[in-house]
C-alpha atoms as a PDB file:
ATOM      1  CA  UNK A   1      -0.023   0.063   0.024  1.00  0.00           C
ATOM      2  CA  UNK A   2       2.822   2.350   1.041  1.00  0.00           C
ATOM      3  CA  UNK A   3       4.718   1.766  -2.254  1.00  0.00           C
ATOM      4  CA  UNK A   4       1.696   2.246  -4.422  1.00  0.00           C
ATOM      5  CA  UNK A   5       0.883   5.466  -2.918  1.00  0.00           C
ATOM      6  CA  UNK A   6       4.378   6.500  -3.208  1.00  0.00           C
ATOM      7  CA  UNK A   7       4.711   5.549  -6.796  1.00  0.00           C
ATOM      8  CA  UNK A   8       1.421   7.189  -7.586  1.00  0.00           C
ATOM      9  CA  UNK A   9       2.459  10.372  -6.064  1.00  0.00           C
ATOM     10  CA  UNK A  10       5.791  10.488  -7.736  1.00  0.00           C
ATOM     11  CA  UNK A  11       4.131   9.924 -11.125  1.00  0.00           C
ATOM     12  CA  UNK A  12       2.411  12.989 -11.265  1.00  0.00           C
ATOM     13  CA  UNK A  13       4.659  15.981 -10.157  1.00  0.00           C
ATOM     14  CA  UNK A  14       3.553  19.619 -10.721  1.00  0.00           C
ATOM     15  CA  UNK A  15       5.414  22.577 -11.063  1.00  0.00           C
ATOM     16  CA  UNK A  16       4.672  26.112  -9.272  1.00  0.00           C
ATOM     17  CA  UNK A  17       5.924  29.468  -9.848  1.00  0.00           C
ATOM     18  CA  UNK A  18       4.932  32.090  -7.548  1.00  0.00           C
ATOM     19  CA  UNK A  19       5.473  35.767  -6.093  1.00  0.00           C
ATOM     20  CA  UNK A  20       5.515  36.689  -2.594  1.00  0.00           C
ATOM     21  CA  UNK A  21       5.010  39.877  -0.770  1.00  0.00           C
ATOM     22  CA  UNK A  22       6.638  39.726   2.549  1.00  0.00           C
ATOM     23  CA  UNK A  23       6.652  41.669   5.799  1.00  0.00           C
ATOM     24  CA  UNK A  24       9.193  40.617   8.452  1.00  0.00           C
ATOM     25  CA  UNK A  25      10.413  41.625  12.061  1.00  0.00           C
ATOM     26  CA  UNK A  26      14.007  41.168  12.331  1.00  0.00           C
ATOM     27  CA  UNK A  27      16.076  41.402  15.599  1.00  0.00           C
ATOM     28  CA  UNK A  28      19.759  40.850  16.407  1.00  0.00           C
ATOM     29  CA  UNK A  29      22.203  41.368  19.054  1.00  0.00           C
ATOM     30  CA  UNK A  30      25.611  42.939  18.202  1.00  0.00           C
ATOM     31  CA  UNK A  31      28.899  43.088  20.250  1.00  0.00           C
ATOM     32  CA  UNK A  32      31.815  45.429  19.421  1.00  0.00           C
ATOM     33  CA  UNK A  33      35.386  45.174  21.045  1.00  0.00           C
ATOM     34  CA  UNK A  34      37.629  48.136  20.650  1.00  0.00           C
ATOM     35  CA  UNK A  35      41.426  47.666  21.293  1.00  0.00           C
ATOM     36  CA  UNK A  36      43.948  50.443  21.971  1.00  0.00           C
ATOM     37  CA  UNK A  37      47.401  50.717  20.352  1.00  0.00           C
ATOM     38  CA  UNK A  38      48.992  48.493  22.985  1.00  0.00           C
ATOM     39  CA  UNK A  39      46.683  45.694  21.911  1.00  0.00           C
ATOM     40  CA  UNK A  40      44.748  45.749  25.265  1.00  0.00           C
ATOM     41  CA  UNK A  41      40.813  45.680  25.065  1.00  0.00           C
ATOM     42  CA  UNK A  42      39.663  49.117  25.662  1.00  0.00           C
ATOM     43  CA  UNK A  43      35.919  48.901  25.599  1.00  0.00           C
ATOM     44  CA  UNK A  44      33.154  46.421  24.725  1.00  0.00           C
ATOM     45  CA  UNK A  45      29.697  47.655  23.576  1.00  0.00           C
ATOM     46  CA  UNK A  46      26.594  45.248  23.384  1.00  0.00           C
ATOM     47  CA  UNK A  47      23.437  46.453  21.747  1.00  0.00           C
ATOM     48  CA  UNK A  48      20.134  44.595  20.680  1.00  0.00           C
ATOM     49  CA  UNK A  49      18.025  46.083  17.992  1.00  0.00           C
ATOM     50  CA  UNK A  50      14.886  45.298  16.012  1.00  0.00           C
ATOM     51  CA  UNK A  51      13.343  46.590  12.919  1.00  0.00           C
ATOM     52  CA  UNK A  52      10.691  45.839  10.278  1.00  0.00           C
ATOM     53  CA  UNK A  53      10.842  45.632   6.379  1.00  0.00           C
ATOM     54  CA  UNK A  54       8.939  44.555   3.613  1.00  0.00           C
ATOM     55  CA  UNK A  55      10.168  42.819   0.468  1.00  0.00           C
ATOM     56  CA  UNK A  56       9.224  40.664  -2.596  1.00  0.00           C
ATOM     57  CA  UNK A  57      10.377  37.108  -3.421  1.00  0.00           C
ATOM     58  CA  UNK A  58       9.902  34.752  -6.217  1.00  0.00           C
ATOM     59  CA  UNK A  59       9.879  31.048  -5.915  1.00  0.00           C
ATOM     60  CA  UNK A  60       9.674  27.829  -7.952  1.00  0.00           C
ATOM     61  CA  UNK A  61       8.333  24.393  -6.598  1.00  0.00           C
ATOM     62  CA  UNK A  62       8.281  20.785  -7.865  1.00  0.00           C
ATOM     63  CA  UNK A  63       5.857  18.496  -6.039  1.00  0.00           C
ATOM     64  CA  UNK A  64       2.610  16.455  -5.638  1.00  0.00           C
ATOM     65  CA  UNK A  65      -0.311  16.153  -3.304  1.00  0.00           C
ATOM     66  CA  UNK A  66       2.004  14.964  -0.515  1.00  0.00           C
ATOM     67  CA  UNK A  67       4.472  17.819  -0.720  1.00  0.00           C
ATOM     68  CA  UNK A  68       6.992  19.659  -2.805  1.00  0.00           C
ATOM     69  CA  UNK A  69      10.768  20.978  -3.001  1.00  0.00           C
ATOM     70  CA  UNK A  70      11.112  24.571  -3.601  1.00  0.00           C
ATOM     71  CA  UNK A  71      13.676  27.338  -4.194  1.00  0.00           C
ATOM     72  CA  UNK A  72      12.971  30.915  -3.400  1.00  0.00           C
ATOM     73  CA  UNK A  73      14.894  34.337  -4.133  1.00  0.00           C
ATOM     74  CA  UNK A  74      14.122  37.269  -1.864  1.00  0.00           C
ATOM     75  CA  UNK A  75      14.759  40.991  -2.695  1.00  0.00           C
ATOM     76  CA  UNK A  76      17.233  43.014  -0.565  1.00  0.00           C
ATOM     77  CA  UNK A  77      16.415  43.868   3.125  1.00  0.00           C
ATOM     78  CA  UNK A  78      18.246  46.680   4.868  1.00  0.00           C
ATOM     79  CA  UNK A  79      18.755  47.768   8.569  1.00  0.00           C
ATOM     80  CA  UNK A  80      18.167  51.338   9.412  1.00  0.00           C
ATOM     81  CA  UNK A  81      21.444  53.239   9.487  1.00  0.00           C
ATOM     82  CA  UNK A  82      22.951  53.818  12.863  1.00  0.00           C
ATOM     83  CA  UNK A  83      24.835  57.245  13.117  1.00  0.00           C
ATOM     84  CA  UNK A  84      27.119  58.259  15.916  1.00  0.00           C
ATOM     85  CA  UNK A  85      27.801  61.790  15.700  1.00  0.00           C
ATOM     86  CA  UNK A  86      31.304  63.160  16.088  1.00  0.00           C
ATOM     87  CA  UNK A  87      31.496  65.391  19.181  1.00  0.00           C
ATOM     88  CA  UNK A  88      27.779  64.833  19.885  1.00  0.00           C
ATOM     89  CA  UNK A  89      24.687  66.195  18.352  1.00  0.00           C
ATOM     90  CA  UNK A  90      25.440  69.843  19.614  1.00  0.00           C
ATOM     91  CA  UNK A  91      28.689  70.265  17.994  1.00  0.00           C
ATOM     92  CA  UNK A  92      29.691  73.812  16.854  1.00  0.00           C
ATOM     93  CA  UNK A  93      28.349  74.845  13.205  1.00  0.00           C
ATOM     94  CA  UNK A  94      30.945  74.747  10.732  1.00  0.00           C
ATOM     95  CA  UNK A  95      33.137  72.357  12.864  1.00  0.00           C
ATOM     96  CA  UNK A  96      34.902  69.396  10.880  1.00  0.00           C
ATOM     97  CA  UNK A  97      32.528  66.586  11.914  1.00  0.00           C
ATOM     98  CA  UNK A  98      33.060  63.169  10.628  1.00  0.00           C
ATOM     99  CA  UNK A  99      30.127  61.043  11.933  1.00  0.00           C
ATOM    100  CA  UNK A 100      30.535  57.145  12.086  1.00  0.00           C
ATOM    101  CA  UNK A 101      27.689  55.305  10.562  1.00  0.00           C
ATOM    102  CA  UNK A 102      26.800  51.897   9.658  1.00  0.00           C
ATOM    103  CA  UNK A 103      23.858  49.673   8.107  1.00  0.00           C
ATOM    104  CA  UNK A 104      23.697  46.214   6.710  1.00  0.00           C
ATOM    105  CA  UNK A 105      22.071  45.087   3.539  1.00  0.00           C
ATOM    106  CA  UNK A 106      21.158  41.207   3.242  1.00  0.00           C
ATOM    107  CA  UNK A 107      21.171  40.509  -0.485  1.00  0.00           C
ATOM    108  CA  UNK A 108      21.023  37.451  -2.899  1.00  0.00           C
ATOM    109  CA  UNK A 109      19.225  35.614  -0.169  1.00  0.00           C
ATOM    110  CA  UNK A 110      18.180  32.081  -1.488  1.00  0.00           C
ATOM    111  CA  UNK A 111      16.261  29.584   0.393  1.00  0.00           C
ATOM    112  CA  UNK A 112      16.068  25.887  -0.372  1.00  0.00           C
ATOM    113  CA  UNK A 113      13.109  24.334   1.273  1.00  0.00           C
ATOM    114  CA  UNK A 114      10.670  21.399   1.785  1.00  0.00           C
ATOM    115  CA  UNK A 115       6.770  21.445   2.300  1.00  0.00           C
ATOM    116  CA  UNK A 116       4.855  18.623   3.590  1.00  0.00           C
ATOM    117  CA  UNK A 117       0.977  19.107   2.943  1.00  0.00           C
ATOM    118  CA  UNK A 118      -1.348  18.730   6.105  1.00  0.00           C
ATOM    119  CA  UNK A 119      -5.050  18.424   6.381  1.00  0.00           C
ATOM    120  CA  UNK A 120      -7.326  21.476   6.233  1.00  0.00           C
ATOM    121  CA  UNK A 121      -5.230  23.066   3.286  1.00  0.00           C
ATOM    122  CA  UNK A 122      -2.322  23.560   5.902  1.00  0.00           C
ATOM    123  CA  UNK A 123       1.545  22.798   5.350  1.00  0.00           C
ATOM    124  CA  UNK A 124       4.541  22.682   7.365  1.00  0.00           C
ATOM    125  CA  UNK A 125       7.836  24.248   5.734  1.00  0.00           C
ATOM    126  CA  UNK A 126      11.404  23.992   6.404  1.00  0.00           C
ATOM    127  CA  UNK A 127      14.627  24.874   4.878  1.00  0.00           C
ATOM    128  CA  UNK A 128      18.113  26.295   4.623  1.00  0.00           C
ATOM    129  CA  UNK A 129      18.964  29.796   3.858  1.00  0.00           C
ATOM    130  CA  UNK A 130      21.995  31.359   2.303  1.00  0.00           C
ATOM    131  CA  UNK A 131      22.862  34.943   1.254  1.00  0.00           C
ATOM    132  CA  UNK A 132      25.290  37.975   1.572  1.00  0.00           C
ATOM    133  CA  UNK A 133      25.730  40.382   4.460  1.00  0.00           C
ATOM    134  CA  UNK A 134      26.944  43.739   2.967  1.00  0.00           C
ATOM    135  CA  UNK A 135      28.378  46.183   5.575  1.00  0.00           C
ATOM    136  CA  UNK A 136      27.907  49.637   4.713  1.00  0.00           C
ATOM    137  CA  UNK A 137      30.144  51.961   7.120  1.00  0.00           C
ATOM    138  CA  UNK A 138      31.691  55.304   7.128  1.00  0.00           C
ATOM    139  CA  UNK A 139      34.386  55.263   9.881  1.00  0.00           C
ATOM    140  CA  UNK A 140      36.193  58.346  11.281  1.00  0.00           C
ATOM    141  CA  UNK A 141      39.142  56.053  11.105  1.00  0.00           C
ATOM    142  CA  UNK A 142      38.539  55.325   7.545  1.00  0.00           C
ATOM    143  CA  UNK A 143      38.645  51.610   8.240  1.00  0.00           C
ATOM    144  CA  UNK A 144      36.142  49.234   6.558  1.00  0.00           C
ATOM    145  CA  UNK A 145      34.757  45.854   7.700  1.00  0.00           C
ATOM    146  CA  UNK A 146      34.553  42.971   5.336  1.00  0.00           C
ATOM    147  CA  UNK A 147      31.243  41.607   4.100  1.00  0.00           C
ATOM    148  CA  UNK A 148      30.114  38.253   5.415  1.00  0.00           C
ATOM    149  CA  UNK A 149      28.164  35.314   4.356  1.00  0.00           C
ATOM    150  CA  UNK A 150      24.443  34.780   5.652  1.00  0.00           C
ATOM    151  CA  UNK A 151      23.484  31.152   6.577  1.00  0.00           C
ATOM    152  CA  UNK A 152      20.655  29.919   8.585  1.00  0.00           C
ATOM    153  CA  UNK A 153      17.431  28.010   8.682  1.00  0.00           C
ATOM    154  CA  UNK A 154      13.668  28.738   8.261  1.00  0.00           C
ATOM    155  CA  UNK A 155      10.587  26.795   9.819  1.00  0.00           C
ATOM    156  CA  UNK A 156       7.146  27.430   9.686  1.00  0.00           C
ATOM    157  CA  UNK A 157       3.465  26.873   8.817  1.00  0.00           C
ATOM    158  CA  UNK A 158       1.104  28.022   6.180  1.00  0.00           C
ATOM    159  CA  UNK A 159      -2.427  27.867   4.687  1.00  0.00           C
ATOM    160  CA  UNK A 160      -3.075  27.491   1.054  1.00  0.00           C
ATOM    161  CA  UNK A 161      -6.241  28.317  -0.787  1.00  0.00           C
ATOM    162  CA  UNK A 162      -6.561  26.721  -4.198  1.00  0.00           C
ATOM    163  CA  UNK A 163      -8.425  28.516  -6.946  1.00  0.00           C
ATOM    164  CA  UNK A 164      -8.765  27.732 -10.625  1.00  0.00           C
ATOM    165  CA  UNK A 165      -5.905  30.108 -12.005  1.00  0.00           C
ATOM    166  CA  UNK A 166      -3.703  30.780  -8.940  1.00  0.00           C
ATOM    167  CA  UNK A 167      -3.181  29.683  -5.369  1.00  0.00           C
ATOM    168  CA  UNK A 168      -3.125  32.109  -2.418  1.00  0.00           C
ATOM    169  CA  UNK A 169      -0.725  31.205   0.550  1.00  0.00           C
ATOM    170  CA  UNK A 170      -0.558  32.814   4.135  1.00  0.00           C
ATOM    171  CA  UNK A 171       2.709  31.830   5.827  1.00  0.00           C
ATOM    172  CA  UNK A 172       4.220  32.424   9.172  1.00  0.00           C
ATOM    173  CA  UNK A 173       7.976  31.589   9.280  1.00  0.00           C
ATOM    174  CA  UNK A 174      10.801  31.821  11.753  1.00  0.00           C
ATOM    175  CA  UNK A 175      14.229  32.223  10.629  1.00  0.00           C
ATOM    176  CA  UNK A 176      17.496  31.863  12.697  1.00  0.00           C
ATOM    177  CA  UNK A 177      20.866  32.764  11.361  1.00  0.00           C
ATOM    178  CA  UNK A 178      24.360  31.785  12.299  1.00  0.00           C
ATOM    179  CA  UNK A 179      26.558  34.401  14.235  1.00  0.00           C
ATOM    180  CA  UNK A 180      29.117  36.337  12.005  1.00  0.00           C
ATOM    181  CA  UNK A 181      32.202  38.288  13.013  1.00  0.00           C
ATOM    182  CA  UNK A 182      33.954  40.901  11.132  1.00  0.00           C
ATOM    183  CA  UNK A 183      36.877  43.282  12.118  1.00  0.00           C
ATOM    184  CA  UNK A 184      38.330  46.595  10.657  1.00  0.00           C
ATOM    185  CA  UNK A 185      41.239  44.770   9.048  1.00  0.00           C
ATOM    186  CA  UNK A 186      44.126  46.133  11.319  1.00  0.00           C
ATOM    187  CA  UNK A 187      46.611  44.668  13.789  1.00  0.00           C
ATOM    188  CA  UNK A 188      45.660  44.338  17.387  1.00  0.00           C
ATOM    189  CA  UNK A 189      48.361  46.967  18.032  1.00  0.00           C
ATOM    190  CA  UNK A 190      46.643  49.378  15.529  1.00  0.00           C
ATOM    191  CA  UNK A 191      43.158  49.888  17.225  1.00  0.00           C
ATOM    192  CA  UNK A 192      41.665  46.679  16.193  1.00  0.00           C
ATOM    193  CA  UNK A 193      37.870  46.773  16.317  1.00  0.00           C
END
């Protein structure tokens, strides 16, 4: 019975191409370590931040009545820009101020996932996420931070309403990403951050 059901399901694969409109809540924790010229740790700053962003995605799937395998590509997502004003916000007009600012773009994000169909038009979804973390900074020192790779996992549930010409889905997904580390590319004795 099991082999018959499996063989029957595999014999009738279907392909789906879709467009997603997504709204996400993103949160992260950051830690910055600053060293002085002697190579001693001078200060440590830890901060937590959250933001929301909307983005589009496209996906293709191959599957059957039991489930499917898919690949999606999402549009860029950007953090808000954080600005550290030189000499504070009340600096004298005309003074040579070089503010430090940083933001991050998440780009070329691809998700490989599997879906299992459940009763009542529900489905479960799990996958692996990979992309690029582009660090955009302006430093008073002129130093820069190297871009990093984004890797993580996604898990969630959804509801699919089938119509004649198209299907409509509503998903609630959770993502978790691996920690990343970047430095300003100088030696420990050269004000490493």
